[in-house]
Amino acid sequence: MVAERREPADLDGQINDLLDGLSDDCSVWRSLSHLFRGRVFCGLFLASGNEGLTLRSETLARLSERGLLLDLDIYGPDDAT
């Protein structure tokens, strides 16, 4: 699955949109997490060198309940221009 791009960025909302489209049955997720390494991969492209983002505790709990890793690749601004 791929999250829709949002402007302005809303990583918390995008993660929840992805999870909303999947099963809430945690017993299924526990079974899957014993067999596979599930992850939510996010590429973050920053416009400036000092930006931040927030993930709500409820979002982090949803990831944790499913045994999913949060994998972040963070890219700073391109200063070559």
PDB file of N, CA and C in Angstrom:
ATOM      1  N   MET A   1       0.842  -1.180   0.000  1.00  0.00           N
ATOM      2  CA  MET A   1       0.000   0.000   0.000  1.00  0.00           C
ATOM      3  C   MET A   1       0.883   1.238   0.000  1.00  0.00           C
ATOM      4  N   VAL A   2       0.368   2.287  -0.571  1.00  0.00           N
ATOM      5  CA  VAL A   2       1.076   3.556  -0.628  1.00  0.00           C
ATOM      6  C   VAL A   2       0.118   4.653  -0.165  1.00  0.00           C
ATOM      7  N   ALA A   3       0.617   5.512   0.707  1.00  0.00           N
ATOM      8  CA  ALA A   3      -0.198   6.629   1.188  1.00  0.00           C
ATOM      9  C   ALA A   3      -0.224   7.737   0.155  1.00  0.00           C
ATOM     10  N   GLU A   4      -1.331   8.446   0.105  1.00  0.00           N
ATOM     11  CA  GLU A   4      -1.451   9.609  -0.765  1.00  0.00           C
ATOM     12  C   GLU A   4      -0.571  10.738  -0.226  1.00  0.00           C
ATOM     13  N   ARG A   5       0.076  11.461  -1.126  1.00  0.00           N
ATOM     14  CA  ARG A   5       0.892  12.612  -0.742  1.00  0.00           C
ATOM     15  C   ARG A   5      -0.017  13.698  -0.179  1.00  0.00           C
ATOM     16  N   ARG A   6       0.462  14.381   0.851  1.00  0.00           N
ATOM     17  CA  ARG A   6      -0.311  15.467   1.465  1.00  0.00           C
ATOM     18  C   ARG A   6       0.528  16.732   1.549  1.00  0.00           C
ATOM     19  N   GLU A   7      -0.104  17.841   1.250  1.00  0.00           N
ATOM     20  CA  GLU A   7       0.516  19.163   1.390  1.00  0.00           C
ATOM     21  C   GLU A   7      -0.414  20.022   2.225  1.00  0.00           C
ATOM     22  N   PRO A   8      -0.046  20.498   3.385  1.00  0.00           N
ATOM     23  CA  PRO A   8       1.239  20.237   4.026  1.00  0.00           C
ATOM     24  C   PRO A   8       1.327  18.786   4.500  1.00  0.00           C
ATOM     25  N   ALA A   9       2.530  18.384   4.819  1.00  0.00           N
ATOM     26  CA  ALA A   9       2.791  17.004   5.225  1.00  0.00           C
ATOM     27  C   ALA A   9       1.975  16.626   6.461  1.00  0.00           C
ATOM     28  N   ASP A  10       1.535  15.382   6.495  1.00  0.00           N
ATOM     29  CA  ASP A  10       0.768  14.865   7.632  1.00  0.00           C
ATOM     30  C   ASP A  10       1.067  13.373   7.786  1.00  0.00           C
ATOM     31  N   LEU A  11       2.272  13.062   8.271  1.00  0.00           N
ATOM     32  CA  LEU A  11       2.686  11.668   8.405  1.00  0.00           C
ATOM     33  C   LEU A  11       1.745  10.889   9.308  1.00  0.00           C
ATOM     34  N   ASP A  12       1.310  11.486  10.407  1.00  0.00           N
ATOM     35  CA  ASP A  12       0.399  10.824  11.329  1.00  0.00           C
ATOM     36  C   ASP A  12      -0.893  10.417  10.614  1.00  0.00           C
ATOM     37  N   GLY A  13      -1.468  11.331   9.864  1.00  0.00           N
ATOM     38  CA  GLY A  13      -2.693  11.042   9.122  1.00  0.00           C
ATOM     39  C   GLY A  13      -2.482   9.991   8.049  1.00  0.00           C
ATOM     40  N   GLN A  14      -1.341  10.037   7.366  1.00  0.00           N
ATOM     41  CA  GLN A  14      -1.056   9.063   6.321  1.00  0.00           C
ATOM     42  C   GLN A  14      -0.929   7.651   6.891  1.00  0.00           C
ATOM     43  N   ILE A  15      -0.236   7.528   8.017  1.00  0.00           N
ATOM     44  CA  ILE A  15      -0.104   6.216   8.652  1.00  0.00           C
ATOM     45  C   ILE A  15      -1.475   5.688   9.061  1.00  0.00           C
ATOM     46  N   ASN A  16      -2.303   6.547   9.638  1.00  0.00           N
ATOM     47  CA  ASN A  16      -3.638   6.111  10.046  1.00  0.00           C
ATOM     48  C   ASN A  16      -4.507   5.739   8.850  1.00  0.00           C
ATOM     49  N   ASP A  17      -4.375   6.458   7.745  1.00  0.00           N
ATOM     50  CA  ASP A  17      -5.107   6.089   6.532  1.00  0.00           C
ATOM     51  C   ASP A  17      -4.729   4.687   6.075  1.00  0.00           C
ATOM     52  N   LEU A  18      -3.433   4.383   6.103  1.00  0.00           N
ATOM     53  CA  LEU A  18      -2.978   3.040   5.723  1.00  0.00           C
ATOM     54  C   LEU A  18      -3.554   1.979   6.659  1.00  0.00           C
ATOM     55  N   LEU A  19      -3.455   2.222   7.960  1.00  0.00           N
ATOM     56  CA  LEU A  19      -3.933   1.239   8.934  1.00  0.00           C
ATOM     57  C   LEU A  19      -5.446   1.082   8.876  1.00  0.00           C
ATOM     58  N   ASP A  20      -6.168   2.161   8.562  1.00  0.00           N
ATOM     59  CA  ASP A  20      -7.628   2.087   8.459  1.00  0.00           C
ATOM     60  C   ASP A  20      -8.067   1.135   7.354  1.00  0.00           C
ATOM     61  N   GLY A  21      -7.214   0.950   6.353  1.00  0.00           N
ATOM     62  CA  GLY A  21      -7.549   0.068   5.239  1.00  0.00           C
ATOM     63  C   GLY A  21      -7.193  -1.391   5.482  1.00  0.00           C
ATOM     64  N   LEU A  22      -6.684  -1.699   6.681  1.00  0.00           N
ATOM     65  CA  LEU A  22      -6.258  -3.064   7.015  1.00  0.00           C
ATOM     66  C   LEU A  22      -7.053  -3.598   8.194  1.00  0.00           C
ATOM     67  N   SER A  23      -6.914  -4.879   8.448  1.00  0.00           N
ATOM     68  CA  SER A  23      -7.639  -5.535   9.539  1.00  0.00           C
ATOM     69  C   SER A  23      -7.243  -4.966  10.903  1.00  0.00           C
ATOM     70  N   ASP A  24      -8.221  -4.881  11.802  1.00  0.00           N
ATOM     71  CA  ASP A  24      -7.971  -4.487  13.187  1.00  0.00           C
ATOM     72  C   ASP A  24      -7.775  -5.702  14.094  1.00  0.00           C
ATOM     73  N   ASP A  25      -7.833  -6.907  13.539  1.00  0.00           N
ATOM     74  CA  ASP A  25      -7.724  -8.140  14.325  1.00  0.00           C
ATOM     75  C   ASP A  25      -6.276  -8.354  14.757  1.00  0.00           C
ATOM     76  N   CYS A  26      -5.980  -8.010  16.019  1.00  0.00           N
ATOM     77  CA  CYS A  26      -4.608  -8.073  16.517  1.00  0.00           C
ATOM     78  C   CYS A  26      -4.079  -9.497  16.599  1.00  0.00           C
ATOM     79  N   SER A  27      -4.948 -10.495  16.715  1.00  0.00           N
ATOM     80  CA  SER A  27      -4.465 -11.881  16.730  1.00  0.00           C
ATOM     81  C   SER A  27      -3.882 -12.252  15.366  1.00  0.00           C
ATOM     82  N   VAL A  28      -4.487 -11.758  14.303  1.00  0.00           N
ATOM     83  CA  VAL A  28      -3.941 -11.976  12.955  1.00  0.00           C
ATOM     84  C   VAL A  28      -2.600 -11.275  12.825  1.00  0.00           C
ATOM     85  N   TRP A  29      -2.523 -10.036  13.286  1.00  0.00           N
ATOM     86  CA  TRP A  29      -1.273  -9.288  13.217  1.00  0.00           C
ATOM     87  C   TRP A  29      -0.169  -9.967  14.018  1.00  0.00           C
ATOM     88  N   ARG A  30      -0.483 -10.489  15.207  1.00  0.00           N
ATOM     89  CA  ARG A  30       0.530 -11.184  16.011  1.00  0.00           C
ATOM     90  C   ARG A  30       1.048 -12.411  15.277  1.00  0.00           C
ATOM     91  N   SER A  31       0.151 -13.162  14.643  1.00  0.00           N
ATOM     92  CA  SER A  31       0.571 -14.328  13.860  1.00  0.00           C
ATOM     93  C   SER A  31       1.490 -13.914  12.715  1.00  0.00           C
ATOM     94  N   LEU A  32       1.107 -12.861  12.010  1.00  0.00           N
ATOM     95  CA  LEU A  32       1.928 -12.384  10.897  1.00  0.00           C
ATOM     96  C   LEU A  32       3.279 -11.868  11.367  1.00  0.00           C
ATOM     97  N   SER A  33       3.305 -11.176  12.508  1.00  0.00           N
ATOM     98  CA  SER A  33       4.564 -10.598  12.980  1.00  0.00           C
ATOM     99  C   SER A  33       5.547 -11.673  13.449  1.00  0.00           C
ATOM    100  N   HIS A  34       5.047 -12.885  13.775  1.00  0.00           N
ATOM    101  CA  HIS A  34       5.949 -13.990  14.115  1.00  0.00           C
ATOM    102  C   HIS A  34       6.572 -14.592  12.856  1.00  0.00           C
ATOM    103  N   LEU A  35       5.898 -14.450  11.733  1.00  0.00           N
ATOM    104  CA  LEU A  35       6.385 -15.027  10.480  1.00  0.00           C
ATOM    105  C   LEU A  35       7.170 -14.033   9.623  1.00  0.00           C
ATOM    106  N   PHE A  36       6.795 -12.752   9.698  1.00  0.00           N
ATOM    107  CA  PHE A  36       7.358 -11.733   8.821  1.00  0.00           C
ATOM    108  C   PHE A  36       7.752 -10.505   9.619  1.00  0.00           C
ATOM    109  N   ARG A  37       8.609  -9.694   9.030  1.00  0.00           N
ATOM    110  CA  ARG A  37       8.986  -8.415   9.645  1.00  0.00           C
ATOM    111  C   ARG A  37       8.216  -7.317   8.921  1.00  0.00           C
ATOM    112  N   GLY A  38       7.120  -6.897   9.494  1.00  0.00           N
ATOM    113  CA  GLY A  38       6.311  -5.846   8.888  1.00  0.00           C
ATOM    114  C   GLY A  38       6.864  -4.480   9.239  1.00  0.00           C
ATOM    115  N   ARG A  39       6.757  -3.561   8.309  1.00  0.00           N
ATOM    116  CA  ARG A  39       7.234  -2.208   8.578  1.00  0.00           C
ATOM    117  C   ARG A  39       6.423  -1.190   7.795  1.00  0.00           C
ATOM    118  N   VAL A  40       6.387   0.001   8.336  1.00  0.00           N
ATOM    119  CA  VAL A  40       5.834   1.151   7.645  1.00  0.00           C
ATOM    120  C   VAL A  40       7.038   2.011   7.290  1.00  0.00           C
ATOM    121  N   PHE A  41       7.338   2.093   5.995  1.00  0.00           N
ATOM    122  CA  PHE A  41       8.502   2.851   5.520  1.00  0.00           C
ATOM    123  C   PHE A  41       8.059   4.243   5.088  1.00  0.00           C
ATOM    124  N   CYS A  42       8.765   5.247   5.586  1.00  0.00           N
ATOM    125  CA  CYS A  42       8.430   6.638   5.273  1.00  0.00           C
ATOM    126  C   CYS A  42       9.681   7.376   4.824  1.00  0.00           C
ATOM    127  N   GLY A  43       9.606   7.999   3.662  1.00  0.00           N
ATOM    128  CA  GLY A  43      10.655   8.892   3.210  1.00  0.00           C
ATOM    129  C   GLY A  43      10.224  10.317   3.508  1.00  0.00           C
ATOM    130  N   LEU A  44      11.006  11.015   4.302  1.00  0.00           N
ATOM    131  CA  LEU A  44      10.687  12.398   4.687  1.00  0.00           C
ATOM    132  C   LEU A  44      11.669  13.336   4.005  1.00  0.00           C
ATOM    133  N   PHE A  45      11.147  14.272   3.234  1.00  0.00           N
ATOM    134  CA  PHE A  45      11.975  15.231   2.511  1.00  0.00           C
ATOM    135  C   PHE A  45      11.749  16.605   3.124  1.00  0.00           C
ATOM    136  N   LEU A  46      12.765  17.107   3.826  1.00  0.00           N
ATOM    137  CA  LEU A  46      12.644  18.358   4.559  1.00  0.00           C
ATOM    138  C   LEU A  46      12.961  19.547   3.667  1.00  0.00           C
ATOM    139  N   ALA A  47      12.199  20.619   3.818  1.00  0.00           N
ATOM    140  CA  ALA A  47      12.423  21.842   3.050  1.00  0.00           C
ATOM    141  C   ALA A  47      13.528  22.688   3.679  1.00  0.00           C
ATOM    142  N   SER A  48      13.727  22.543   4.986  1.00  0.00           N
ATOM    143  CA  SER A  48      14.794  23.279   5.667  1.00  0.00           C
ATOM    144  C   SER A  48      15.474  22.336   6.658  1.00  0.00           C
ATOM    145  N   GLY A  49      16.576  22.793   7.211  1.00  0.00           N
ATOM    146  CA  GLY A  49      17.378  21.935   8.073  1.00  0.00           C
ATOM    147  C   GLY A  49      16.804  21.685   9.451  1.00  0.00           C
ATOM    148  N   ASN A  50      15.811  22.441   9.860  1.00  0.00           N
ATOM    149  CA  ASN A  50      15.280  22.280  11.208  1.00  0.00           C
ATOM    150  C   ASN A  50      13.765  22.186  11.159  1.00  0.00           C
ATOM    151  N   GLU A  51      13.274  21.027  10.745  1.00  0.00           N
ATOM    152  CA  GLU A  51      11.839  20.772  10.707  1.00  0.00           C
ATOM    153  C   GLU A  51      11.541  19.615  11.654  1.00  0.00           C
ATOM    154  N   GLY A  52      10.296  19.465  12.002  1.00  0.00           N
ATOM    155  CA  GLY A  52       9.894  18.369  12.863  1.00  0.00           C
ATOM    156  C   GLY A  52       8.572  17.792  12.420  1.00  0.00           C
ATOM    157  N   LEU A  53       8.203  16.693  13.047  1.00  0.00           N
ATOM    158  CA  LEU A  53       6.901  16.082  12.812  1.00  0.00           C
ATOM    159  C   LEU A  53       6.456  15.443  14.109  1.00  0.00           C
ATOM    160  N   THR A  54       5.169  15.186  14.193  1.00  0.00           N
ATOM    161  CA  THR A  54       4.599  14.601  15.397  1.00  0.00           C
ATOM    162  C   THR A  54       3.783  13.375  15.031  1.00  0.00           C
ATOM    163  N   LEU A  55       3.985  12.314  15.797  1.00  0.00           N
ATOM    164  CA  LEU A  55       3.120  11.138  15.714  1.00  0.00           C
ATOM    165  C   LEU A  55       2.397  11.023  17.045  1.00  0.00           C
ATOM    166  N   ARG A  56       1.087  10.933  16.981  1.00  0.00           N
ATOM    167  CA  ARG A  56       0.278  10.829  18.204  1.00  0.00           C
ATOM    168  C   ARG A  56       0.520   9.483  18.872  1.00  0.00           C
ATOM    169  N   SER A  57       0.347   9.439  20.178  1.00  0.00           N
ATOM    170  CA  SER A  57       0.533   8.188  20.919  1.00  0.00           C
ATOM    171  C   SER A  57      -0.430   7.107  20.426  1.00  0.00           C
ATOM    172  N   GLU A  58      -1.620   7.501  19.991  1.00  0.00           N
ATOM    173  CA  GLU A  58      -2.584   6.526  19.463  1.00  0.00           C
ATOM    174  C   GLU A  58      -2.074   5.880  18.173  1.00  0.00           C
ATOM    175  N   THR A  59      -1.402   6.658  17.355  1.00  0.00           N
ATOM    176  CA  THR A  59      -0.839   6.125  16.113  1.00  0.00           C
ATOM    177  C   THR A  59       0.295   5.163  16.414  1.00  0.00           C
ATOM    178  N   LEU A  60       1.168   5.544  17.329  1.00  0.00           N
ATOM    179  CA  LEU A  60       2.265   4.662  17.723  1.00  0.00           C
ATOM    180  C   LEU A  60       1.734   3.376  18.347  1.00  0.00           C
ATOM    181  N   ALA A  61       0.650   3.473  19.120  1.00  0.00           N
ATOM    182  CA  ALA A  61       0.044   2.277  19.719  1.00  0.00           C
ATOM    183  C   ALA A  61      -0.507   1.351  18.637  1.00  0.00           C
ATOM    184  N   ARG A  62      -1.123   1.927  17.612  1.00  0.00           N
ATOM    185  CA  ARG A  62      -1.659   1.098  16.515  1.00  0.00           C
ATOM    186  C   ARG A  62      -0.540   0.337  15.823  1.00  0.00           C
ATOM    187  N   LEU A  63       0.592   0.988  15.602  1.00  0.00           N
ATOM    188  CA  LEU A  63       1.734   0.302  14.995  1.00  0.00           C
ATOM    189  C   LEU A  63       2.249  -0.806  15.917  1.00  0.00           C
ATOM    190  N   SER A  64       2.380  -0.478  17.185  1.00  0.00           N
ATOM    191  CA  SER A  64       2.896  -1.431  18.164  1.00  0.00           C
ATOM    192  C   SER A  64       1.989  -2.651  18.317  1.00  0.00           C
ATOM    193  N   GLU A  65       0.684  -2.425  18.384  1.00  0.00           N
ATOM    194  CA  GLU A  65      -0.269  -3.532  18.521  1.00  0.00           C
ATOM    195  C   GLU A  65      -0.152  -4.528  17.365  1.00  0.00           C
ATOM    196  N   ARG A  66       0.278  -4.043  16.232  1.00  0.00           N
ATOM    197  CA  ARG A  66       0.393  -4.890  15.040  1.00  0.00           C
ATOM    198  C   ARG A  66       1.807  -5.430  14.850  1.00  0.00           C
ATOM    199  N   GLY A  67       2.712  -5.060  15.743  1.00  0.00           N
ATOM    200  CA  GLY A  67       4.091  -5.512  15.647  1.00  0.00           C
ATOM    201  C   GLY A  67       4.826  -4.933  14.451  1.00  0.00           C
ATOM    202  N   LEU A  68       4.433  -3.724  14.029  1.00  0.00           N
ATOM    203  CA  LEU A  68       5.026  -3.092  12.857  1.00  0.00           C
ATOM    204  C   LEU A  68       6.164  -2.152  13.256  1.00  0.00           C
ATOM    205  N   LEU A  69       7.234  -2.175  12.478  1.00  0.00           N
ATOM    206  CA  LEU A  69       8.336  -1.243  12.660  1.00  0.00           C
ATOM    207  C   LEU A  69       8.012   0.054  11.937  1.00  0.00           C
ATOM    208  N   LEU A  70       8.494   1.161  12.467  1.00  0.00           N
ATOM    209  CA  LEU A  70       8.412   2.446  11.777  1.00  0.00           C
ATOM    210  C   LEU A  70       9.807   2.735  11.255  1.00  0.00           C
ATOM    211  N   ASP A  71       9.957   2.784   9.942  1.00  0.00           N
ATOM    212  CA  ASP A  71      11.248   2.932   9.276  1.00  0.00           C
ATOM    213  C   ASP A  71      11.267   4.284   8.571  1.00  0.00           C
ATOM    214  N   LEU A  72      12.108   5.207   9.054  1.00  0.00           N
ATOM    215  CA  LEU A  72      12.159   6.563   8.520  1.00  0.00           C
ATOM    216  C   LEU A  72      13.465   6.809   7.773  1.00  0.00           C
ATOM    217  N   ASP A  73      13.377   7.309   6.562  1.00  0.00           N
ATOM    218  CA  ASP A  73      14.514   7.860   5.829  1.00  0.00           C
ATOM    219  C   ASP A  73      14.270   9.353   5.764  1.00  0.00           C
ATOM    220  N   ILE A  74      15.202  10.134   6.322  1.00  0.00           N
ATOM    221  CA  ILE A  74      15.008  11.577   6.419  1.00  0.00           C
ATOM    222  C   ILE A  74      16.063  12.272   5.564  1.00  0.00           C
ATOM    223  N   TYR A  75      15.599  13.135   4.660  1.00  0.00           N
ATOM    224  CA  TYR A  75      16.474  13.843   3.737  1.00  0.00           C
ATOM    225  C   TYR A  75      16.367  15.337   4.002  1.00  0.00           C
ATOM    226  N   GLY A  76      17.512  15.990   4.122  1.00  0.00           N
ATOM    227  CA  GLY A  76      17.550  17.430   4.321  1.00  0.00           C
ATOM    228  C   GLY A  76      17.411  18.149   2.994  1.00  0.00           C
ATOM    229  N   PRO A  77      17.389  19.485   3.058  1.00  0.00           N
ATOM    230  CA  PRO A  77      17.267  20.269   1.832  1.00  0.00           C
ATOM    231  C   PRO A  77      18.507  20.114   0.962  1.00  0.00           C
ATOM    232  N   ASP A  78      18.325  20.250  -0.333  1.00  0.00           N
ATOM    233  CA  ASP A  78      19.428  20.190  -1.273  1.00  0.00           C
ATOM    234  C   ASP A  78      20.052  21.564  -1.370  1.00  0.00           C
ATOM    235  N   ASP A  79      21.214  21.745  -0.759  1.00  0.00           N
ATOM    236  CA  ASP A  79      21.885  23.058  -0.728  1.00  0.00           C
ATOM    237  C   ASP A  79      22.754  23.318  -1.945  1.00  0.00           C
ATOM    238  N   ALA A  80      22.700  22.408  -2.924  1.00  0.00           N
ATOM    239  CA  ALA A  80      23.533  22.541  -4.108  1.00  0.00           C
ATOM    240  C   ALA A  80      23.053  23.650  -5.043  1.00  0.00           C
ATOM    241  N   THR A  81      21.826  24.132  -4.860  1.00  0.00           N
ATOM    242  CA  THR A  81      21.302  25.151  -5.777  1.00  0.00           C
ATOM    243  C   THR A  81      21.592  26.543  -5.304  1.00  0.00           C
TER     244      THR A  81
END
